[in-house]
Amino acid sequence: MPRSASDNFDRWNASDPNQRIAMVNDLAARLSTTDLQSLLNEIVEEAPGMALVLALQMPEGGTPRRLQGANAVAAAFDMDPEGTISWLLNLDSDTRAEVLSWGNVWKQGLSKSQTLQLAESFEPGKQRDAILESIITSLDLETGLSLLSEIDSDSIRSEALSDMATYLGRDYPNRAFALAGEISDPSAQNDAYGSLAWNSRDTDLGFAFECAFAISNLEDRRNSIRNLVMNWVENDPVAASRWLTDLPSGADRDSAIIGFVERYAEVGDPEEVVPWLNEIENESLRRRYSEGLGADWLKRDRKKAIQWLRSQSGLPPKRIEILIAL
C-alpha cells in the first residue's frame, strides 16, 4: 500500500543524518542526471516526498531539477497537502522559496489558510514579495480578492494589495486604482500608485497622471510626475506643453515643469524652456534648476548662456560668476 507524502517525509527526517548523506552521495555518484530523472519518474507517484528530497540533490539552476521538482511537489500536494506543507515549513527559506517556484503550487487546491500559512512563513522582503506576487498572479481575480479579504496582517495585506494592483493595472486600471486606495501602509500605497503610473505611461497617460497625483509622499509624487513628463516630452513635447499650460498652479505643476525643462533642454533649444523655468513657483526649486540649465547651456552655447545667466536677478551674482568660471 502506498505511503502518504508525510510518511515519506517522516521516514526521511527520522533516519540517521549520516545515512541520508550517504544515500544521496551514493546516488549522485552512481547515477547520471538522466538516470536520476528516470528514478524520480518511477517513485514520484508512490513516494512524492522522497522524490522531492532527491530532486533537491540535483544540480542547482538546471531544468531537470526544476521539472522533476515540479512533478514531485504537485504529486505531494495531491497526496497529502498538510504533510507537504509541514515539510516545506521545516526547510530554510531559500529552499522553500525554490520549491514553491517549481510548479504552480497555488493551483493545487490549497485552502486560503494553507496559502496564507506558506506566505507568512517568509520574513518581509524580496522573498515574501515574490511569493505574494506568485500567489496573486496565479489566481483569478475574484479568488485573489477573496484571499486578500482574509489576510489579517496589515503588512502582508498591504504587500499583497500592492502586488495585485500593479498586476491588474494594464487590464483593469480602475479596479487596480481602487485596490491601491485600500492599502493601509503609506509606503506600500505610494509604491503601488507609482508603479501604476509608470506602467500606464504609454497606454493611458491620463490615468498615469491620476495615479501619480494620488501619491501622498511629496518627494515620491514629485519624482513620479517629473518622470512621466520627461517621458512625454520625448514623444510629444507640443502636447506636453499644452497640458502644462492648463495645469493648476502648485507643487504638482512645479514638478511637471521641472520634468519638461530638464528633458526639453537636452533634446531642444535651452532658450525655449526659459519661460517655463520662470513659472516655477517654488523659489528654491526655480533657483536650483536655473543653475542647472545654465551649467548645461554653457557646454552647448557659452555666449548665450553667459548672457542669460547674467540677466537672472534670482541668482546671486557670485554664484553666477562661479558657474561661468567652471
Protein backbone atom coordinates (compact mmCIF):
# COMPACT_ATOMS: atom_id res chain seq x y z
CA MET A 1 0.00 0.00 0.00
CA PRO A 2 1.49 3.40 -0.98
CA ARG A 3 2.72 5.51 1.87
CA SER A 4 1.48 9.09 2.27
CA ALA A 5 3.76 12.01 1.46
CA SER A 6 4.07 12.74 5.16
CA ASP A 7 5.15 9.12 5.81
CA ASN A 8 7.97 9.58 3.35
CA PHE A 9 8.96 12.90 4.85
CA ASP A 10 8.82 11.41 8.35
CA ARG A 11 10.89 8.39 7.33
CA TRP A 12 13.44 10.63 5.67
CA ASN A 13 13.65 13.07 8.56
CA ALA A 14 13.70 10.34 11.21
CA SER A 15 16.53 8.42 9.59
CA ASP A 16 20.09 8.91 10.68
CA PRO A 17 21.52 12.08 9.05
CA ASN A 18 24.69 10.22 8.10
CA GLN A 19 22.63 7.57 6.34
CA ARG A 20 20.77 10.26 4.42
CA ILE A 21 24.01 11.92 3.35
CA ALA A 22 25.47 8.55 2.36
CA MET A 23 22.37 7.65 0.35
CA VAL A 24 22.33 10.95 -1.54
CA ASN A 25 26.08 10.87 -2.20
CA ASP A 26 25.81 7.28 -3.37
CA LEU A 27 23.00 8.13 -5.81
CA ALA A 28 24.79 11.23 -7.04
CA ALA A 29 28.00 9.29 -7.58
CA ARG A 30 26.43 6.30 -9.32
CA LEU A 31 23.65 7.88 -11.36
CA SER A 32 23.82 10.36 -14.16
CA THR A 33 21.29 13.21 -14.22
CA THR A 34 19.31 11.24 -16.80
CA ASP A 35 19.27 8.10 -14.65
CA LEU A 36 18.31 10.12 -11.59
CA GLN A 37 15.43 11.61 -13.57
CA SER A 38 14.29 8.11 -14.51
CA LEU A 39 14.41 7.02 -10.86
CA LEU A 40 12.36 10.05 -9.80
CA ASN A 41 9.79 9.33 -12.50
CA GLU A 42 9.39 5.81 -11.10
CA ILE A 43 8.92 6.80 -7.47
CA VAL A 44 7.12 10.16 -7.76
CA GLU A 45 3.57 8.80 -7.61
CA GLU A 46 4.18 6.34 -4.78
CA ALA A 47 6.70 8.35 -2.80
CA PRO A 48 6.48 12.02 -3.83
CA GLY A 49 8.02 13.12 -0.56
CA MET A 50 11.16 11.14 -1.25
CA ALA A 51 11.14 12.33 -4.86
CA LEU A 52 11.07 15.93 -3.65
CA VAL A 53 14.03 15.34 -1.36
CA LEU A 54 16.00 13.72 -4.16
CA ALA A 55 15.08 16.46 -6.64
CA LEU A 56 16.77 18.92 -4.32
CA GLN A 57 20.01 16.98 -4.74
CA MET A 58 20.09 17.53 -8.50
CA PRO A 59 22.37 20.28 -9.90
CA GLU A 60 21.13 23.74 -8.88
CA GLY A 61 19.71 26.02 -11.53
CA GLY A 62 19.17 23.22 -14.03
CA THR A 63 15.99 22.45 -15.93
CA PRO A 64 15.90 18.77 -14.78
CA ARG A 65 15.86 19.86 -11.12
CA ARG A 66 13.01 22.28 -11.77
CA LEU A 67 10.92 19.91 -13.90
CA GLN A 68 11.38 16.89 -11.63
CA GLY A 69 10.73 19.07 -8.61
CA ALA A 70 7.54 20.44 -10.16
CA ASN A 71 6.22 16.91 -10.76
CA ALA A 72 7.14 15.85 -7.24
CA VAL A 73 5.64 18.85 -5.47
CA ALA A 74 2.38 18.51 -7.44
CA ALA A 75 2.13 14.83 -6.56
CA ALA A 76 2.98 15.52 -2.91
CA PHE A 77 0.30 18.19 -2.58
CA ASP A 78 -2.20 15.94 -4.31
CA MET A 79 -1.48 13.05 -1.94
CA ASP A 80 -1.02 14.90 1.35
CA PRO A 81 -1.19 18.71 1.36
CA GLU A 82 -0.82 19.05 5.14
CA GLY A 83 2.21 16.77 5.25
CA THR A 84 3.78 18.61 2.33
CA ILE A 85 3.20 22.00 3.97
CA SER A 86 4.71 20.71 7.20
CA TRP A 87 7.81 19.54 5.31
CA LEU A 88 8.09 22.86 3.47
CA LEU A 89 7.93 24.84 6.70
CA ASN A 90 10.94 22.91 8.01
CA LEU A 91 13.09 23.94 5.06
CA ASP A 92 15.27 27.03 5.10
CA SER A 93 13.59 29.99 3.41
CA ASP A 94 15.73 29.88 0.25
CA THR A 95 14.97 26.21 -0.40
CA ARG A 96 11.30 26.68 0.49
CA ALA A 97 11.05 29.58 -1.97
CA GLU A 98 12.67 27.47 -4.69
CA VAL A 99 10.30 24.55 -4.16
CA LEU A 100 7.30 26.87 -4.25
CA SER A 101 8.55 28.30 -7.54
CA TRP A 102 8.89 24.93 -9.26
CA GLY A 103 5.27 24.30 -10.07
CA ASN A 104 2.01 26.17 -9.89
CA VAL A 105 1.63 25.31 -6.22
CA TRP A 106 -1.13 27.84 -5.71
CA LYS A 107 -3.44 25.93 -8.07
CA GLN A 108 -3.05 22.64 -6.21
CA GLY A 109 -6.31 23.08 -4.34
CA LEU A 110 -4.82 24.62 -1.20
CA SER A 111 -7.20 26.30 1.19
CA LYS A 112 -6.90 30.01 1.89
CA SER A 113 -5.45 29.31 5.32
CA GLN A 114 -2.83 26.96 3.86
CA THR A 115 -1.88 29.50 1.23
CA LEU A 116 -1.53 32.26 3.83
CA GLN A 117 0.43 29.94 6.12
CA LEU A 118 3.05 29.46 3.44
CA ALA A 119 3.14 33.16 2.53
CA GLU A 120 3.51 34.22 6.16
CA SER A 121 6.39 31.79 6.68
CA PHE A 122 8.71 34.26 4.91
CA GLU A 123 10.15 37.36 6.53
CA PRO A 124 9.20 40.74 4.99
CA GLY A 125 11.40 41.47 1.99
CA LYS A 126 12.07 40.40 -1.57
CA GLN A 127 11.38 36.70 -0.96
CA ARG A 128 7.95 37.31 0.52
CA ASP A 129 7.16 39.88 -2.18
CA ALA A 130 7.98 37.26 -4.82
CA ILE A 131 5.83 34.63 -3.10
CA LEU A 132 2.88 37.02 -2.74
CA GLU A 133 3.21 38.05 -6.37
CA SER A 134 3.28 34.38 -7.38
CA ILE A 135 0.11 33.71 -5.40
CA ILE A 136 -1.79 36.73 -6.67
CA THR A 137 -0.81 36.36 -10.32
CA SER A 138 -1.66 32.64 -10.43
CA LEU A 139 -5.20 33.07 -9.11
CA ASP A 140 -8.19 34.50 -10.92
CA LEU A 141 -9.26 37.99 -9.89
CA GLU A 142 -12.16 37.08 -7.61
CA THR A 143 -10.25 34.27 -5.88
CA GLY A 144 -7.34 36.60 -5.30
CA LEU A 145 -9.60 39.29 -3.86
CA SER A 146 -11.31 36.74 -1.64
CA LEU A 147 -7.91 35.64 -0.35
CA LEU A 148 -6.92 39.24 0.34
CA SER A 149 -10.02 39.74 2.45
CA GLU A 150 -8.77 37.09 4.89
CA ILE A 151 -5.29 38.49 5.42
CA ASP A 152 -5.15 39.81 8.98
CA SER A 153 -1.61 41.15 8.92
CA ASP A 154 -1.59 44.79 7.75
CA SER A 155 1.91 44.47 6.32
CA ILE A 156 1.17 41.30 4.35
CA ARG A 157 -2.17 42.64 3.18
CA SER A 158 -0.53 45.87 2.04
CA GLU A 159 2.17 43.97 0.13
CA ALA A 160 -0.39 41.67 -1.49
CA LEU A 161 -2.71 44.54 -2.42
CA SER A 162 0.24 46.40 -3.92
CA ASP A 163 1.23 43.36 -5.99
CA MET A 164 -2.34 42.78 -7.16
CA ALA A 165 -2.88 46.44 -8.03
CA THR A 166 0.30 46.50 -10.11
CA TYR A 167 -0.58 43.20 -11.79
CA LEU A 168 -4.10 44.36 -12.70
CA GLY A 169 -3.08 47.84 -13.79
CA ARG A 170 -2.90 47.25 -17.52
CA ASP A 171 -6.14 45.29 -17.99
CA TYR A 172 -8.25 46.60 -15.10
CA PRO A 173 -6.93 50.11 -14.32
CA ASN A 174 -9.95 51.30 -12.34
CA ARG A 175 -10.01 48.15 -10.23
CA ALA A 176 -6.27 48.46 -9.69
CA PHE A 177 -6.60 52.10 -8.62
CA ALA A 178 -9.33 51.16 -6.14
CA LEU A 179 -7.18 48.35 -4.70
CA ALA A 180 -4.26 50.73 -4.26
CA GLY A 181 -6.57 53.01 -2.30
CA GLU A 182 -7.24 50.18 0.18
CA ILE A 183 -3.58 49.76 1.12
CA SER A 184 -3.12 50.85 4.72
CA ASP A 185 0.66 51.19 4.69
CA PRO A 186 1.52 54.62 3.20
CA SER A 187 4.85 53.49 1.73
CA ALA A 188 3.32 50.42 0.05
CA GLN A 189 0.43 52.52 -1.22
CA ASN A 190 2.80 55.09 -2.72
CA ASP A 191 4.77 52.28 -4.38
CA ALA A 192 1.56 50.88 -5.87
CA TYR A 193 0.43 54.25 -7.23
CA GLY A 194 3.93 54.88 -8.57
CA SER A 195 4.06 51.51 -10.35
CA LEU A 196 0.59 52.02 -11.83
CA ALA A 197 1.60 55.47 -13.05
CA TRP A 198 4.81 54.37 -14.75
CA ASN A 199 3.34 51.17 -16.23
CA SER A 200 0.49 53.18 -17.79
CA ARG A 201 2.65 55.92 -19.31
CA ASP A 202 2.40 54.57 -22.88
CA THR A 203 -1.17 53.24 -22.79
CA ASP A 204 -3.21 55.75 -20.78
CA LEU A 205 -1.34 58.91 -19.86
CA GLY A 206 -4.36 60.47 -18.18
CA PHE A 207 -4.66 57.50 -15.85
CA ALA A 208 -0.90 57.57 -15.27
CA PHE A 209 -1.06 61.15 -14.01
CA GLU A 210 -4.13 60.35 -11.90
CA CYS A 211 -2.06 57.69 -10.14
CA ALA A 212 0.94 59.99 -9.77
CA PHE A 213 -1.21 62.76 -8.24
CA ALA A 214 -2.58 60.22 -5.72
CA ILE A 215 0.87 59.61 -4.19
CA SER A 216 0.84 61.11 -0.71
CA ASN A 217 4.58 61.46 -0.17
CA LEU A 218 5.63 64.81 -1.66
CA GLU A 219 9.05 63.68 -2.89
CA ASP A 220 7.70 60.45 -4.40
CA ARG A 221 4.83 62.32 -6.10
CA ARG A 222 7.21 64.96 -7.43
CA ASN A 223 9.52 62.29 -8.91
CA SER A 224 6.64 60.35 -10.45
CA ILE A 225 5.15 63.45 -12.13
CA ARG A 226 8.58 64.60 -13.28
CA ASN A 227 9.43 61.21 -14.81
CA LEU A 228 6.09 60.98 -16.63
CA VAL A 229 6.55 64.44 -18.16
CA MET A 230 10.14 63.69 -19.16
CA ASN A 231 8.95 60.56 -20.96
CA TRP A 232 6.13 62.51 -22.61
CA VAL A 233 8.45 65.27 -23.85
CA GLU A 234 10.49 62.69 -25.77
CA ASN A 235 7.37 61.57 -27.67
CA ASP A 236 5.25 64.72 -27.97
CA PRO A 237 6.70 67.93 -26.48
CA VAL A 238 3.94 70.10 -28.01
CA ALA A 239 1.16 68.13 -26.30
CA ALA A 240 3.13 68.16 -23.05
CA SER A 241 3.50 71.95 -23.15
CA ARG A 242 -0.24 72.39 -23.80
CA TRP A 243 -1.04 70.17 -20.83
CA LEU A 244 1.32 72.18 -18.63
CA THR A 245 -0.46 75.39 -19.60
CA ASP A 246 -3.78 74.08 -18.27
CA LEU A 247 -2.37 72.51 -15.11
CA PRO A 248 -3.39 74.35 -11.90
CA SER A 249 -0.58 76.13 -10.12
CA GLY A 250 1.07 74.49 -7.14
CA ALA A 251 3.70 71.91 -6.21
CA ASP A 252 2.48 69.36 -8.77
CA ARG A 253 2.74 71.87 -11.60
CA ASP A 254 6.23 72.82 -10.43
CA SER A 255 7.23 69.12 -10.61
CA ALA A 256 5.76 68.81 -14.10
CA ILE A 257 7.55 71.95 -15.31
CA ILE A 258 10.84 70.65 -13.92
CA GLY A 259 10.42 67.42 -15.89
CA PHE A 260 9.64 69.41 -19.04
CA VAL A 261 12.59 71.78 -18.59
CA GLU A 262 15.08 69.01 -17.84
CA ARG A 263 14.22 66.81 -20.80
CA TYR A 264 13.47 69.53 -23.38
CA ALA A 265 16.72 71.32 -22.60
CA GLU A 266 18.50 68.06 -23.51
CA VAL A 267 16.69 67.43 -26.80
CA GLY A 268 15.78 71.00 -27.87
CA ASP A 269 16.91 74.59 -27.55
CA PRO A 270 17.57 75.58 -23.90
CA GLU A 271 16.39 79.09 -24.70
CA GLU A 272 12.88 77.77 -25.40
CA VAL A 273 12.43 76.43 -21.86
CA VAL A 274 13.37 79.70 -20.12
CA PRO A 275 9.73 80.95 -20.00
CA TRP A 276 8.71 77.66 -18.35
CA LEU A 277 11.55 77.87 -15.86
CA ASN A 278 10.29 81.27 -14.76
CA GLU A 279 6.87 79.75 -13.99
CA ILE A 280 8.20 77.51 -11.22
CA GLU A 281 6.56 79.00 -8.12
CA ASN A 282 8.90 77.48 -5.54
CA GLU A 283 11.79 79.95 -5.37
CA SER A 284 14.33 77.41 -4.13
CA LEU A 285 13.47 74.96 -6.93
CA ARG A 286 13.44 77.73 -9.52
CA ARG A 287 16.93 78.82 -8.46
CA ARG A 288 18.28 75.26 -8.41
CA TYR A 289 17.01 74.40 -11.89
CA SER A 290 18.05 77.79 -13.26
CA GLU A 291 21.59 76.97 -12.18
CA GLY A 292 21.29 73.51 -13.71
CA LEU A 293 20.02 74.90 -17.01
CA GLY A 294 22.79 77.49 -17.04
CA ALA A 295 25.51 74.90 -16.39
CA ASP A 296 24.26 72.65 -19.22
CA TRP A 297 23.73 75.58 -21.57
CA LEU A 298 27.31 76.77 -21.04
CA LYS A 299 28.54 73.50 -22.57
CA ARG A 300 26.45 73.98 -25.72
CA ASP A 301 26.41 77.74 -26.38
CA ARG A 302 28.64 79.57 -23.94
CA LYS A 303 27.99 83.09 -25.22
CA LYS A 304 24.19 82.83 -24.99
CA ALA A 305 24.37 81.03 -21.66
CA ILE A 306 26.56 83.73 -20.08
CA GLN A 307 24.23 86.42 -21.38
CA TRP A 308 21.21 84.66 -19.92
CA LEU A 309 22.83 83.86 -16.58
CA ARG A 310 23.88 87.47 -16.00
CA SER A 311 20.29 88.58 -16.65
CA GLN A 312 18.95 86.38 -13.84
CA SER A 313 18.07 88.56 -10.86
CA GLY A 314 17.03 85.47 -8.88
CA LEU A 315 20.55 84.07 -8.83
CA PRO A 316 23.27 85.55 -6.57
CA PRO A 317 25.92 87.34 -8.71
CA LYS A 318 28.75 85.42 -7.05
CA ARG A 319 27.07 82.12 -7.84
CA ILE A 320 26.65 83.18 -11.49
CA GLU A 321 30.35 84.01 -11.81
CA ILE A 322 31.30 80.66 -10.21
CA LEU A 323 29.16 78.83 -12.77
CA ILE A 324 30.73 80.75 -15.62
CA ALA A 325 34.24 80.10 -14.31
CA LEU A 326 33.75 76.33 -14.03
